Amino acid sequence: MRTIIGWLAASIAGAAGWWLGARIGLVTAIVVGGVAGGAGLYYGYRWFDENLK
């Protein structure tokens, strides 16, 4: 369950980062989407560990 929540958060954050970065350019969208996806994975795992574990 932790993995599902982590990757779901990463997908949502990565999509939001891509959307924001695409307003500037393609390379920015890739970088911002990747960073946001990693942050979403981290905070999704962290949220699970604090609330459901």
PDB file of N, CA and C in Angstrom:
ATOM      1  N   MET A   1       0.819  -1.191   0.000  1.00  0.00           N
ATOM      2  CA  MET A   1       0.000   0.000   0.000  1.00  0.00           C
ATOM      3  C   MET A   1       0.864   1.256   0.000  1.00  0.00           C
ATOM      4  N   ARG A   2       1.994   1.181   0.712  1.00  0.00           N
ATOM      5  CA  ARG A   2       2.907   2.331   0.753  1.00  0.00           C
ATOM      6  C   ARG A   2       3.393   2.691  -0.648  1.00  0.00           C
ATOM      7  N   THR A   3       3.699   1.670  -1.425  1.00  0.00           N
ATOM      8  CA  THR A   3       4.194   1.892  -2.781  1.00  0.00           C
ATOM      9  C   THR A   3       3.126   2.534  -3.661  1.00  0.00           C
ATOM     10  N   ILE A   4       1.906   2.072  -3.535  1.00  0.00           N
ATOM     11  CA  ILE A   4       0.818   2.634  -4.342  1.00  0.00           C
ATOM     12  C   ILE A   4       0.620   4.108  -4.021  1.00  0.00           C
ATOM     13  N   ILE A   5       0.586   4.443  -2.732  1.00  0.00           N
ATOM     14  CA  ILE A   5       0.391   5.834  -2.344  1.00  0.00           C
ATOM     15  C   ILE A   5       1.575   6.690  -2.783  1.00  0.00           C
ATOM     16  N   GLY A   6       2.784   6.174  -2.630  1.00  0.00           N
ATOM     17  CA  GLY A   6       3.964   6.923  -3.043  1.00  0.00           C
ATOM     18  C   GLY A   6       3.976   7.219  -4.529  1.00  0.00           C
ATOM     19  N   TRP A   7       3.685   6.211  -5.332  1.00  0.00           N
ATOM     20  CA  TRP A   7       3.713   6.418  -6.784  1.00  0.00           C
ATOM     21  C   TRP A   7       2.524   7.221  -7.278  1.00  0.00           C
ATOM     22  N   LEU A   8       1.401   7.126  -6.599  1.00  0.00           N
ATOM     23  CA  LEU A   8       0.260   7.969  -6.949  1.00  0.00           C
ATOM     24  C   LEU A   8       0.591   9.430  -6.680  1.00  0.00           C
ATOM     25  N   ALA A   9       1.188   9.714  -5.533  1.00  0.00           N
ATOM     26  CA  ALA A   9       1.604  11.080  -5.218  1.00  0.00           C
ATOM     27  C   ALA A   9       2.661  11.572  -6.206  1.00  0.00           C
ATOM     28  N   ALA A  10       3.575  10.688  -6.594  1.00  0.00           N
ATOM     29  CA  ALA A  10       4.611  11.063  -7.563  1.00  0.00           C
ATOM     30  C   ALA A  10       4.000  11.378  -8.920  1.00  0.00           C
ATOM     31  N   SER A  11       3.020  10.612  -9.325  1.00  0.00           N
ATOM     32  CA  SER A  11       2.369  10.847 -10.616  1.00  0.00           C
ATOM     33  C   SER A  11       1.630  12.179 -10.636  1.00  0.00           C
ATOM     34  N   ILE A  12       0.905  12.451  -9.569  1.00  0.00           N
ATOM     35  CA  ILE A  12       0.150  13.706  -9.503  1.00  0.00           C
ATOM     36  C   ILE A  12       1.092  14.900  -9.444  1.00  0.00           C
ATOM     37  N   ALA A  13       2.118  14.814  -8.588  1.00  0.00           N
ATOM     38  CA  ALA A  13       3.069  15.918  -8.474  1.00  0.00           C
ATOM     39  C   ALA A  13       3.867  16.097  -9.769  1.00  0.00           C
ATOM     40  N   GLY A  14       4.261  14.997 -10.390  1.00  0.00           N
ATOM     41  CA  GLY A  14       5.002  15.085 -11.645  1.00  0.00           C
ATOM     42  C   GLY A  14       4.186  15.710 -12.760  1.00  0.00           C
ATOM     43  N   ALA A  15       2.907  15.355 -12.823  1.00  0.00           N
ATOM     44  CA  ALA A  15       2.029  15.954 -13.833  1.00  0.00           C
ATOM     45  C   ALA A  15       1.854  17.448 -13.595  1.00  0.00           C
ATOM     46  N   ALA A  16       1.703  17.827 -12.338  1.00  0.00           N
ATOM     47  CA  ALA A  16       1.574  19.252 -12.011  1.00  0.00           C
ATOM     48  C   ALA A  16       2.865  19.999 -12.345  1.00  0.00           C
ATOM     49  N   GLY A  17       4.004  19.384 -12.034  1.00  0.00           N
ATOM     50  CA  GLY A  17       5.288  19.998 -12.368  1.00  0.00           C
ATOM     51  C   GLY A  17       5.490  20.123 -13.865  1.00  0.00           C
ATOM     52  N   TRP A  18       5.096  19.095 -14.599  1.00  0.00           N
ATOM     53  CA  TRP A  18       5.198  19.148 -16.054  1.00  0.00           C
ATOM     54  C   TRP A  18       4.332  20.274 -16.611  1.00  0.00           C
ATOM     55  N   TRP A  19       3.121  20.372 -16.105  1.00  0.00           N
ATOM     56  CA  TRP A  19       2.194  21.407 -16.570  1.00  0.00           C
ATOM     57  C   TRP A  19       2.758  22.804 -16.309  1.00  0.00           C
ATOM     58  N   LEU A  20       3.315  22.997 -15.112  1.00  0.00           N
ATOM     59  CA  LEU A  20       3.887  24.307 -14.796  1.00  0.00           C
ATOM     60  C   LEU A  20       5.136  24.583 -15.629  1.00  0.00           C
ATOM     61  N   GLY A  21       5.999  23.593 -15.773  1.00  0.00           N
ATOM     62  CA  GLY A  21       7.224  23.785 -16.534  1.00  0.00           C
ATOM     63  C   GLY A  21       6.994  23.954 -18.025  1.00  0.00           C
ATOM     64  N   ALA A  22       5.928  23.363 -18.551  1.00  0.00           N
ATOM     65  CA  ALA A  22       5.638  23.458 -19.979  1.00  0.00           C
ATOM     66  C   ALA A  22       5.274  24.879 -20.395  1.00  0.00           C
ATOM     67  N   ARG A  23       4.884  25.691 -19.465  1.00  0.00           N
ATOM     68  CA  ARG A  23       4.595  27.089 -19.777  1.00  0.00           C
ATOM     69  C   ARG A  23       5.864  27.829 -20.194  1.00  0.00           C
ATOM     70  N   ILE A  24       7.032  27.334 -19.767  1.00  0.00           N
ATOM     71  CA  ILE A  24       8.305  27.959 -20.108  1.00  0.00           C
ATOM     72  C   ILE A  24       8.939  27.278 -21.316  1.00  0.00           C
ATOM     73  N   GLY A  25       8.977  25.944 -21.304  1.00  0.00           N
ATOM     74  CA  GLY A  25       9.571  25.215 -22.413  1.00  0.00           C
ATOM     75  C   GLY A  25       9.637  23.726 -22.121  1.00  0.00           C
ATOM     76  N   LEU A  26      10.023  22.962 -23.130  1.00  0.00           N
ATOM     77  CA  LEU A  26      10.051  21.508 -23.013  1.00  0.00           C
ATOM     78  C   LEU A  26      11.084  21.028 -22.002  1.00  0.00           C
ATOM     79  N   VAL A  27      12.294  21.547 -22.065  1.00  0.00           N
ATOM     80  CA  VAL A  27      13.348  21.107 -21.150  1.00  0.00           C
ATOM     81  C   VAL A  27      12.988  21.470 -19.716  1.00  0.00           C
ATOM     82  N   THR A  28      12.423  22.635 -19.526  1.00  0.00           N
ATOM     83  CA  THR A  28      11.983  23.042 -18.195  1.00  0.00           C
ATOM     84  C   THR A  28      10.892  22.115 -17.692  1.00  0.00           C
ATOM     85  N   ALA A  29       9.977  21.717 -18.564  1.00  0.00           N
ATOM     86  CA  ALA A  29       8.915  20.794 -18.171  1.00  0.00           C
ATOM     87  C   ALA A  29       9.489  19.460 -17.723  1.00  0.00           C
ATOM     88  N   ILE A  30      10.503  18.961 -18.421  1.00  0.00           N
ATOM     89  CA  ILE A  30      11.121  17.692 -18.053  1.00  0.00           C
ATOM     90  C   ILE A  30      11.795  17.795 -16.685  1.00  0.00           C
ATOM     91  N   VAL A  31      12.549  18.860 -16.476  1.00  0.00           N
ATOM     92  CA  VAL A  31      13.271  19.030 -15.216  1.00  0.00           C
ATOM     93  C   VAL A  31      12.305  19.246 -14.052  1.00  0.00           C
ATOM     94  N   VAL A  32      11.369  20.155 -14.209  1.00  0.00           N
ATOM     95  CA  VAL A  32      10.428  20.457 -13.126  1.00  0.00           C
ATOM     96  C   VAL A  32       9.536  19.247 -12.844  1.00  0.00           C
ATOM     97  N   GLY A  33       9.116  18.540 -13.889  1.00  0.00           N
ATOM     98  CA  GLY A  33       8.307  17.341 -13.696  1.00  0.00           C
ATOM     99  C   GLY A  33       9.062  16.251 -12.955  1.00  0.00           C
ATOM    100  N   GLY A  34      10.334  16.078 -13.272  1.00  0.00           N
ATOM    101  CA  GLY A  34      11.150  15.082 -12.582  1.00  0.00           C
ATOM    102  C   GLY A  34      11.379  15.419 -11.123  1.00  0.00           C
ATOM    103  N   VAL A  35      11.686  16.667 -10.857  1.00  0.00           N
ATOM    104  CA  VAL A  35      11.907  17.100  -9.474  1.00  0.00           C
ATOM    105  C   VAL A  35      10.612  16.988  -8.672  1.00  0.00           C
ATOM    106  N   ALA A  36       9.511  17.425  -9.259  1.00  0.00           N
ATOM    107  CA  ALA A  36       8.226  17.350  -8.566  1.00  0.00           C
ATOM    108  C   ALA A  36       7.809  15.897  -8.345  1.00  0.00           C
ATOM    109  N   GLY A  37       8.076  15.033  -9.303  1.00  0.00           N
ATOM    110  CA  GLY A  37       7.765  13.618  -9.136  1.00  0.00           C
ATOM    111  C   GLY A  37       8.553  12.989  -7.999  1.00  0.00           C
ATOM    112  N   GLY A  38       9.831  13.314  -7.910  1.00  0.00           N
ATOM    113  CA  GLY A  38      10.651  12.816  -6.804  1.00  0.00           C
ATOM    114  C   GLY A  38      10.165  13.337  -5.461  1.00  0.00           C
ATOM    115  N   ALA A  39       9.808  14.603  -5.426  1.00  0.00           N
ATOM    116  CA  ALA A  39       9.278  15.169  -4.179  1.00  0.00           C
ATOM    117  C   ALA A  39       7.949  14.523  -3.817  1.00  0.00           C
ATOM    118  N   GLY A  40       7.105  14.270  -4.812  1.00  0.00           N
ATOM    119  CA  GLY A  40       5.835  13.616  -4.549  1.00  0.00           C
ATOM    120  C   GLY A  40       6.015  12.210  -4.015  1.00  0.00           C
ATOM    121  N   LEU A  41       6.986  11.484  -4.548  1.00  0.00           N
ATOM    122  CA  LEU A  41       7.284  10.137  -4.053  1.00  0.00           C
ATOM    123  C   LEU A  41       7.737  10.191  -2.599  1.00  0.00           C
ATOM    124  N   TYR A  42       8.640  11.102  -2.299  1.00  0.00           N
ATOM    125  CA  TYR A  42       9.153  11.247  -0.941  1.00  0.00           C
ATOM    126  C   TYR A  42       8.025  11.594   0.034  1.00  0.00           C
ATOM    127  N   TYR A  43       7.224  12.595  -0.309  1.00  0.00           N
ATOM    128  CA  TYR A  43       6.169  13.028   0.609  1.00  0.00           C
ATOM    129  C   TYR A  43       5.009  12.039   0.665  1.00  0.00           C
ATOM    130  N   GLY A  44       4.783  11.296  -0.393  1.00  0.00           N
ATOM    131  CA  GLY A  44       3.782  10.235  -0.337  1.00  0.00           C
ATOM    132  C   GLY A  44       4.190   9.133   0.621  1.00  0.00           C
ATOM    133  N   TYR A  45       5.458   8.720   0.553  1.00  0.00           N
ATOM    134  CA  TYR A  45       5.974   7.726   1.500  1.00  0.00           C
ATOM    135  C   TYR A  45       5.935   8.272   2.927  1.00  0.00           C
ATOM    136  N   ARG A  46       6.350   9.512   3.066  1.00  0.00           N
ATOM    137  CA  ARG A  46       6.379  10.123   4.392  1.00  0.00           C
ATOM    138  C   ARG A  46       4.975  10.220   4.984  1.00  0.00           C
ATOM    139  N   TRP A  47       4.011  10.623   4.169  1.00  0.00           N
ATOM    140  CA  TRP A  47       2.627  10.717   4.641  1.00  0.00           C
ATOM    141  C   TRP A  47       2.128   9.353   5.098  1.00  0.00           C
ATOM    142  N   PHE A  48       2.414   8.331   4.312  1.00  0.00           N
ATOM    143  CA  PHE A  48       1.986   6.978   4.682  1.00  0.00           C
ATOM    144  C   PHE A  48       2.616   6.565   6.016  1.00  0.00           C
ATOM    145  N   ASP A  49       3.907   6.794   6.162  1.00  0.00           N
ATOM    146  CA  ASP A  49       4.600   6.375   7.382  1.00  0.00           C
ATOM    147  C   ASP A  49       4.062   7.096   8.624  1.00  0.00           C
ATOM    148  N   GLU A  50       3.676   8.353   8.471  1.00  0.00           N
ATOM    149  CA  GLU A  50       3.187   9.125   9.615  1.00  0.00           C
ATOM    150  C   GLU A  50       1.721   8.831   9.938  1.00  0.00           C
ATOM    151  N   ASN A  51       0.921   8.500   8.952  1.00  0.00           N
ATOM    152  CA  ASN A  51      -0.518   8.403   9.170  1.00  0.00           C
ATOM    153  C   ASN A  51      -1.089   6.993   9.134  1.00  0.00           C
ATOM    154  N   LEU A  52      -0.487   6.090   8.402  1.00  0.00           N
ATOM    155  CA  LEU A  52      -1.101   4.778   8.219  1.00  0.00           C
ATOM    156  C   LEU A  52      -0.259   3.617   8.735  1.00  0.00           C
ATOM    157  N   LYS A  53       0.935   3.855   9.102  1.00  0.00           N
ATOM    158  CA  LYS A  53       1.806   2.759   9.519  1.00  0.00           C
ATOM    159  C   LYS A  53       1.624   2.433  10.976  1.00  0.00           C
TER     160      LYS A  53
END
